[in-house]
Amino acid sequence: MKKFDLPLILDTLFYTACAFLLAVGILRYLRAATWIVFTASALIALAAGILSFLLIYKNHRKKGLTRQTQRERDALMLHLALERTDRVIAALAAAYRADGKEAAEGEEAVTVDGTPVIPLFTMQPVSADAVAVLLRRHGNGQFALACNGLTAEARALMSSFGRRAVEGDEIYALFARTGTTPSPLICGEIPRFKLKTKLKRTFSKANARPFFVSGSLLLLMSLFTFFPLYYLITGGLLLAVAVCVRLLGYA
């Protein structure tokens, strides 16, 4: 792993713990000797942990890359939506030139291989009304629209008039492969929930009830299960957390 992958580790530990507890419960039910129970359970849990790691590693890496790409794309789209039009045109022209195309900057568009590419980066998908304005302004003249995205109606309108839209994914790919992404980006650091924020949400007073209900149910189950220790410990811990959250949790 190139970096610390906490979700992957937590998933692996979760599956390992589940395998261990299940094995202990089954072997205790079969009245095996204590040393056999814990030795066999440890080996089963180790095998389950290794197997689960191998099975989910690739999927986690793929999701991680997808999330990273999505964050970079979102940051670029936000930058283009907030940046001045002349600078957006200059950035697009530089990217197209680096991609081996002829690009000339204009006041409202960048001309790429003879076709004007009009930038219209907005916080929301471009509407059909905005597309209609461009169609009226340019008449029969050909143009392409560079934007974050289009509504379904706007996309259908562009298609019906034979105009092409260069949307967010294609724009991001252009800047990424040519290495011309503007730097620094406006609001380049997309706000993300930090650990402190997540802890505040998890241990808010409103969550005392779920902790209490879960702990109570586990303690009740310990009265009827063949392996009550897990339920007693876990239920007790959840009840303790419920009390602490209720007394000391965030409002």
Protein backbone atom coordinates (compact mmCIF):
# COMPACT_ATOMS: atom_id res chain seq x y z
CA MET A 1 0.00 0.00 0.00
CA LYS A 2 1.35 3.38 -0.94
CA LYS A 3 -0.33 5.05 2.03
CA PHE A 4 -2.14 4.18 5.23
CA ASP A 5 -5.50 2.76 4.17
CA LEU A 6 -7.59 2.87 7.34
CA PRO A 7 -10.88 1.62 5.78
CA LEU A 8 -9.10 -1.43 4.35
CA ILE A 9 -7.49 -2.24 7.70
CA LEU A 10 -10.75 -1.77 9.59
CA ASP A 11 -12.64 -4.00 7.15
CA THR A 12 -9.99 -6.69 7.45
CA LEU A 13 -10.07 -6.52 11.25
CA PHE A 14 -13.86 -6.65 11.21
CA TYR A 15 -13.97 -9.84 9.12
CA THR A 16 -11.19 -11.37 11.21
CA ALA A 17 -12.99 -10.61 14.46
CA CYS A 18 -16.26 -11.99 13.09
CA ALA A 19 -14.55 -15.23 12.06
CA PHE A 20 -12.86 -15.56 15.45
CA LEU A 21 -16.03 -14.99 17.48
CA LEU A 22 -18.07 -17.30 15.29
CA ALA A 23 -15.45 -20.05 15.55
CA VAL A 24 -15.21 -19.66 19.32
CA GLY A 25 -18.97 -19.87 19.68
CA ILE A 26 -19.30 -22.96 17.51
CA LEU A 27 -16.37 -24.80 19.13
CA ARG A 28 -17.57 -23.96 22.63
CA TYR A 29 -21.00 -25.24 21.66
CA LEU A 30 -19.36 -28.48 20.55
CA ARG A 31 -17.66 -28.60 23.97
CA ALA A 32 -14.13 -28.74 22.61
CA ALA A 33 -11.23 -28.24 24.99
CA THR A 34 -10.41 -24.63 25.78
CA TRP A 35 -6.95 -24.70 24.20
CA ILE A 36 -8.41 -26.26 21.05
CA VAL A 37 -11.16 -23.63 20.93
CA PHE A 38 -8.85 -20.64 21.03
CA THR A 39 -6.04 -22.15 18.96
CA ALA A 40 -8.37 -23.26 16.18
CA SER A 41 -10.32 -20.00 16.34
CA ALA A 42 -7.13 -17.96 16.05
CA LEU A 43 -6.01 -19.97 13.00
CA ILE A 44 -9.44 -19.66 11.38
CA ALA A 45 -9.52 -15.93 12.07
CA LEU A 46 -6.01 -15.51 10.62
CA ALA A 47 -7.00 -17.37 7.47
CA ALA A 48 -10.21 -15.36 7.18
CA GLY A 49 -8.30 -12.11 7.66
CA ILE A 50 -5.75 -12.94 4.96
CA LEU A 51 -8.46 -14.10 2.55
CA SER A 52 -10.64 -11.05 3.13
CA PHE A 53 -7.64 -8.73 2.69
CA LEU A 54 -6.78 -10.31 -0.65
CA LEU A 55 -10.39 -10.17 -1.81
CA ILE A 56 -11.12 -6.55 -0.87
CA TYR A 57 -7.68 -4.96 -1.42
CA LYS A 58 -8.14 -4.33 -5.14
CA ASN A 59 -11.66 -3.03 -4.63
CA HIS A 60 -10.48 -0.61 -1.92
CA ARG A 61 -7.65 0.65 -4.11
CA LYS A 62 -10.07 1.20 -6.99
CA LYS A 63 -12.48 3.10 -4.76
CA GLY A 64 -9.61 5.14 -3.36
CA LEU A 65 -8.44 6.15 -6.82
CA THR A 66 -12.00 6.96 -7.85
CA ARG A 67 -12.52 9.18 -4.82
CA GLN A 68 -9.22 10.96 -5.39
CA THR A 69 -10.03 11.56 -9.06
CA GLN A 70 -13.49 12.81 -8.15
CA ARG A 71 -12.05 15.26 -5.61
CA GLU A 72 -9.57 16.58 -8.16
CA ARG A 73 -12.30 16.93 -10.78
CA ASP A 74 -14.62 18.73 -8.38
CA ALA A 75 -11.85 21.11 -7.32
CA LEU A 76 -11.07 21.95 -10.97
CA MET A 77 -14.73 22.49 -11.84
CA LEU A 78 -15.19 24.77 -8.83
CA HIS A 79 -12.12 26.74 -9.85
CA LEU A 80 -13.38 27.20 -13.41
CA ALA A 81 -16.79 28.30 -12.11
CA LEU A 82 -15.25 30.95 -9.86
CA GLU A 83 -12.40 32.12 -12.11
CA ARG A 84 -12.61 35.14 -14.43
CA THR A 85 -13.67 34.34 -17.97
CA ASP A 86 -10.47 35.62 -19.58
CA ARG A 87 -8.35 33.41 -17.35
CA VAL A 88 -10.56 30.40 -18.05
CA ILE A 89 -10.14 31.01 -21.77
CA ALA A 90 -6.36 31.30 -21.35
CA ALA A 91 -6.25 28.06 -19.33
CA LEU A 92 -8.32 26.19 -21.91
CA ALA A 93 -6.16 27.51 -24.75
CA ALA A 94 -3.00 26.37 -22.97
CA ALA A 95 -4.48 22.92 -22.37
CA TYR A 96 -5.56 22.48 -25.98
CA ARG A 97 -2.17 23.62 -27.27
CA ALA A 98 -0.45 21.14 -24.98
CA ASP A 99 -2.78 18.51 -26.43
CA GLY A 100 -1.45 19.21 -29.92
CA LYS A 101 -4.31 21.38 -31.21
CA GLU A 102 -4.31 24.87 -32.65
CA ALA A 103 -5.92 27.20 -30.12
CA ALA A 104 -6.44 30.95 -30.30
CA GLU A 105 -7.81 33.04 -27.44
CA GLY A 106 -10.75 35.40 -27.98
CA GLU A 107 -12.85 37.62 -25.76
CA GLU A 108 -15.66 35.09 -25.24
CA ALA A 109 -14.23 31.82 -26.49
CA VAL A 110 -11.11 29.88 -27.40
CA THR A 111 -10.99 28.80 -31.04
CA VAL A 112 -9.78 25.21 -31.30
CA ASP A 113 -8.98 23.96 -34.80
CA GLY A 114 -11.33 26.57 -36.22
CA THR A 115 -14.28 25.89 -33.87
CA PRO A 116 -15.08 28.34 -31.06
CA VAL A 117 -15.28 26.67 -27.66
CA ILE A 118 -17.38 28.86 -25.36
CA PRO A 119 -16.71 28.41 -21.64
CA LEU A 120 -19.80 28.47 -19.44
CA PHE A 121 -18.79 26.96 -16.12
CA THR A 122 -21.51 27.28 -13.49
CA MET A 123 -22.24 25.81 -10.07
CA GLN A 124 -25.32 24.04 -11.43
CA PRO A 125 -25.70 22.16 -14.73
CA VAL A 126 -26.25 24.53 -17.64
CA SER A 127 -29.95 24.87 -18.39
CA ALA A 128 -31.77 24.71 -21.72
CA ASP A 129 -32.50 28.45 -21.41
CA ALA A 130 -28.77 29.25 -21.29
CA VAL A 131 -28.19 27.02 -24.32
CA ALA A 132 -31.04 28.74 -26.17
CA VAL A 133 -29.38 32.12 -25.56
CA LEU A 134 -26.15 30.87 -27.13
CA LEU A 135 -28.00 29.39 -30.08
CA ARG A 136 -29.78 32.69 -30.75
CA ARG A 137 -26.55 34.65 -30.42
CA HIS A 138 -24.53 32.47 -32.80
CA GLY A 139 -27.28 31.56 -35.25
CA ASN A 140 -26.01 29.04 -37.77
CA GLY A 141 -22.40 29.44 -36.65
CA GLN A 142 -20.79 26.33 -35.27
CA PHE A 143 -19.53 26.32 -31.70
CA ALA A 144 -18.83 23.96 -28.82
CA LEU A 145 -19.80 24.57 -25.21
CA ALA A 146 -17.34 23.89 -22.38
CA CYS A 147 -19.17 23.47 -19.08
CA ASN A 148 -19.36 21.52 -15.83
CA GLY A 149 -22.46 19.71 -16.97
CA LEU A 150 -25.78 20.03 -18.79
CA THR A 151 -29.34 19.32 -17.79
CA ALA A 152 -31.09 16.62 -19.80
CA GLU A 153 -33.12 19.26 -21.65
CA ALA A 154 -30.02 21.31 -22.46
CA ARG A 155 -28.20 18.23 -23.74
CA ALA A 156 -31.12 17.33 -25.98
CA LEU A 157 -31.29 20.90 -27.31
CA MET A 158 -27.57 20.94 -28.10
CA SER A 159 -27.87 17.59 -29.86
CA SER A 160 -30.88 18.65 -31.92
CA PHE A 161 -28.96 21.65 -33.27
CA GLY A 162 -25.81 19.64 -33.93
CA ARG A 163 -23.70 21.43 -31.33
CA ARG A 164 -21.15 19.66 -29.16
CA ALA A 165 -20.69 20.04 -25.41
CA VAL A 166 -17.37 19.45 -23.66
CA GLU A 167 -18.46 18.56 -20.15
CA GLY A 168 -16.68 18.22 -16.83
CA ASP A 169 -15.16 14.76 -17.20
CA GLU A 170 -13.71 15.58 -20.61
CA ILE A 171 -12.41 18.94 -19.38
CA TYR A 172 -10.75 17.28 -16.38
CA ALA A 173 -9.20 14.60 -18.60
CA LEU A 174 -7.81 17.30 -20.91
CA PHE A 175 -6.11 19.20 -18.09
CA ALA A 176 -4.92 16.00 -16.39
CA ARG A 177 -3.27 14.38 -19.40
CA THR A 178 -1.61 17.61 -20.52
CA GLY A 179 -0.44 18.58 -17.03
CA THR A 180 -1.89 22.08 -17.40
CA THR A 181 -4.24 22.14 -14.42
CA PRO A 182 -4.26 25.72 -13.05
CA SER A 183 -2.35 26.17 -9.82
CA PRO A 184 -3.23 27.25 -7.25
CA LEU A 185 -6.90 26.42 -7.60
CA ILE A 186 -9.52 28.71 -6.14
CA CYS A 187 -10.86 26.85 -3.10
CA GLY A 188 -8.67 23.97 -4.20
CA GLU A 189 -9.04 22.21 -0.89
CA ILE A 190 -12.60 20.90 -0.97
CA PRO A 191 -13.84 20.87 2.65
CA ARG A 192 -14.01 17.32 4.00
CA PHE A 193 -15.24 15.99 7.28
CA LYS A 194 -12.32 15.77 9.68
CA LEU A 195 -11.96 13.23 12.46
CA LYS A 196 -13.12 15.74 15.06
CA THR A 197 -16.29 16.48 13.11
CA LYS A 198 -17.02 12.78 12.66
CA LEU A 199 -16.50 12.16 16.38
CA LYS A 200 -18.87 15.00 17.23
CA ARG A 201 -21.54 13.46 15.04
CA THR A 202 -20.96 9.96 16.38
CA PHE A 203 -20.93 10.96 20.03
CA SER A 204 -23.71 13.53 19.96
CA LYS A 205 -26.38 13.30 22.64
CA ALA A 206 -28.90 12.20 20.02
CA ASN A 207 -26.96 8.96 19.58
CA ALA A 208 -27.29 7.94 23.23
CA ARG A 209 -30.55 6.14 22.49
CA PRO A 210 -29.15 3.86 19.72
CA PHE A 211 -26.18 2.95 21.93
CA PHE A 212 -28.55 2.18 24.81
CA VAL A 213 -30.91 0.07 22.70
CA SER A 214 -28.05 -1.88 21.13
CA GLY A 215 -26.40 -2.52 24.48
CA SER A 216 -29.67 -3.60 26.10
CA LEU A 217 -30.46 -6.03 23.29
CA LEU A 218 -27.01 -7.58 23.50
CA LEU A 219 -27.34 -8.03 27.26
CA LEU A 220 -30.72 -9.66 26.81
CA MET A 221 -29.31 -11.98 24.15
CA SER A 222 -26.62 -13.10 26.56
CA LEU A 223 -29.34 -14.80 28.62
CA PHE A 224 -30.28 -17.10 25.76
CA THR A 225 -27.05 -17.69 23.83
CA PHE A 226 -24.59 -20.55 24.26
CA PHE A 227 -21.67 -18.07 24.29
CA PRO A 228 -22.79 -15.16 26.53
CA LEU A 229 -19.39 -13.58 27.24
CA TYR A 230 -19.24 -11.61 24.00
CA TYR A 231 -22.75 -10.26 24.50
CA LEU A 232 -22.09 -9.36 28.12
CA ILE A 233 -18.89 -7.47 27.34
CA THR A 234 -20.16 -5.74 24.20
CA GLY A 235 -23.53 -4.91 25.70
CA GLY A 236 -21.88 -3.51 28.82
CA LEU A 237 -19.52 -1.37 26.76
CA LEU A 238 -22.38 -0.01 24.64
CA LEU A 239 -24.39 0.86 27.75
CA ALA A 240 -21.35 2.61 29.22
CA VAL A 241 -20.93 4.55 25.97
CA ALA A 242 -24.63 5.47 26.05
CA VAL A 243 -24.27 6.88 29.57
CA CYS A 244 -21.10 8.80 28.67
CA VAL A 245 -22.62 10.18 25.48
CA ARG A 246 -25.72 11.25 27.37
CA LEU A 247 -23.71 12.97 30.07
CA LEU A 248 -20.74 14.32 28.13
CA GLY A 249 -21.76 14.14 24.46
CA TYR A 250 -21.97 17.04 22.05
CA ALA A 251 -25.28 18.85 21.84
